[in-house]
Protein backbone atom coordinates (compact mmCIF):
# COMPACT_ATOMS: atom_id res chain seq x y z
CA MET A 1 11.71 15.92 -95.08
CA ASP A 2 15.66 17.49 -95.74
CA CYS A 3 15.88 17.98 -91.63
CA ILE A 4 15.77 14.18 -90.36
CA LYS A 5 19.72 13.29 -90.57
CA GLU A 6 20.30 9.24 -90.68
CA LYS A 7 23.71 9.18 -88.53
CA LYS A 8 25.71 5.61 -87.73
CA PHE A 9 28.43 4.48 -85.14
CA LEU A 10 30.02 1.54 -86.43
CA PHE A 11 27.04 -0.90 -86.83
CA TRP A 12 24.32 1.69 -85.03
CA LYS A 13 22.52 3.54 -87.77
CA TRP A 14 19.78 5.99 -85.85
CA LYS A 15 17.90 9.22 -87.10
CA GLN A 16 17.76 12.55 -86.18
CA VAL A 17 16.43 15.44 -86.33
CA GLU A 18 18.16 18.45 -87.28
CA HIS A 19 16.11 21.94 -87.93
CA ASN A 20 17.33 24.95 -88.79
CA TYR A 21 15.33 27.62 -86.82
CA LYS A 22 15.52 31.48 -87.76
CA MET A 23 13.42 33.99 -86.02
CA HIS A 24 10.27 34.53 -87.72
CA ARG A 25 7.45 36.60 -86.08
CA ILE A 26 7.84 38.84 -82.67
CA SER A 27 4.16 39.68 -80.59
CA LYS A 28 2.92 40.32 -77.26
CA PHE A 29 0.04 38.81 -75.36
CA MET A 30 -1.27 42.20 -74.58
CA LYS A 31 -0.47 45.36 -75.01
CA CYS A 32 0.74 46.81 -71.72
CA SER A 33 3.45 43.28 -71.38
CA ASP A 34 7.01 43.61 -70.98
CA THR A 35 7.52 40.40 -72.17
CA PHE A 36 7.52 39.00 -76.00
CA HIS A 37 6.58 36.16 -78.05
CA VAL A 38 9.05 34.93 -80.37
CA GLU A 39 7.81 32.81 -83.53
CA TYR A 40 10.67 30.69 -84.44
CA LYS A 41 11.05 28.61 -88.26
CA CYS A 42 12.65 25.72 -89.73
CA SER A 43 13.80 27.38 -92.76
CA THR A 44 14.41 23.88 -94.27
CA CYS A 45 11.39 22.56 -93.76
CA GLY A 46 8.68 24.91 -92.05
CA ALA A 47 8.57 23.32 -88.71
CA SER A 48 7.71 25.94 -85.51
CA TYR A 49 7.58 26.76 -82.25
CA ILE A 50 7.06 29.50 -79.70
CA LYS A 51 9.23 30.64 -76.98
CA LYS A 52 7.18 32.83 -74.44
CA PHE A 53 8.09 35.74 -72.31
CA VAL A 54 11.51 36.61 -74.18
CA GLU A 55 12.84 39.75 -72.47
CA GLN A 56 13.55 42.81 -74.71
CA ASP A 57 16.88 42.57 -73.73
CA ASP A 58 17.67 39.38 -75.39
CA LEU A 59 15.69 40.55 -78.47
CA ILE A 60 17.94 43.81 -78.83
CA LEU A 61 20.82 41.40 -78.70
CA ALA A 62 19.39 39.25 -81.21
CA GLY A 63 19.70 42.06 -83.29
CA ILE A 64 15.89 43.87 -83.42
CA PRO A 65 15.97 47.74 -83.12
CA ILE A 66 14.62 49.41 -79.85
CA GLU A 67 12.20 51.48 -81.94
CA THR A 68 11.01 48.35 -83.51
CA LEU A 69 9.71 46.64 -80.51
CA GLN A 70 8.51 50.15 -79.13
CA LYS A 71 5.77 49.19 -82.37
CA VAL A 72 5.00 46.24 -81.33
CA ASP A 73 1.98 44.89 -79.54
CA ASP A 74 -0.99 42.39 -79.60
CA TRP A 75 -1.99 43.26 -82.53
CA ASN A 76 1.20 44.90 -84.97
CA TRP A 77 3.35 42.05 -85.05
CA HIS A 78 7.15 42.37 -86.45
CA TYR A 79 8.14 39.43 -88.62
CA CYS A 80 11.46 39.55 -88.87
CA ASP A 81 13.55 38.60 -92.64
CA VAL A 82 16.29 36.96 -91.05
CA GLY A 83 15.12 33.22 -92.91
CA LYS A 84 13.29 34.42 -95.39
CA ILE A 85 11.33 31.38 -95.80
C-alpha cells in the first residue's frame, strides 16, 4: 500500500499509516435532520471513514454551496469531486 510509510530514527524503524483523506459524499440520516454525515475517502488507497453529526456551518467553510446543502436529504446525496477518486 502506498499509504504505509517506513519511518526511522537512529537505529529504530517503524511503519506509519498516512492517508490522504478527501471529502467524498455528504448525506443526512433523516430528511428533517439539521446535521449531516460526511464520508471521506483516501485518494491513494481508497480507505474511508464517516464523520457524523457535522454542522452546516462546517460544510460551508469547507466550500460546499448552501444551495447544494439544501438539496441533500436521506435519499439525495451529494458527491464531492474534490478528490476525483
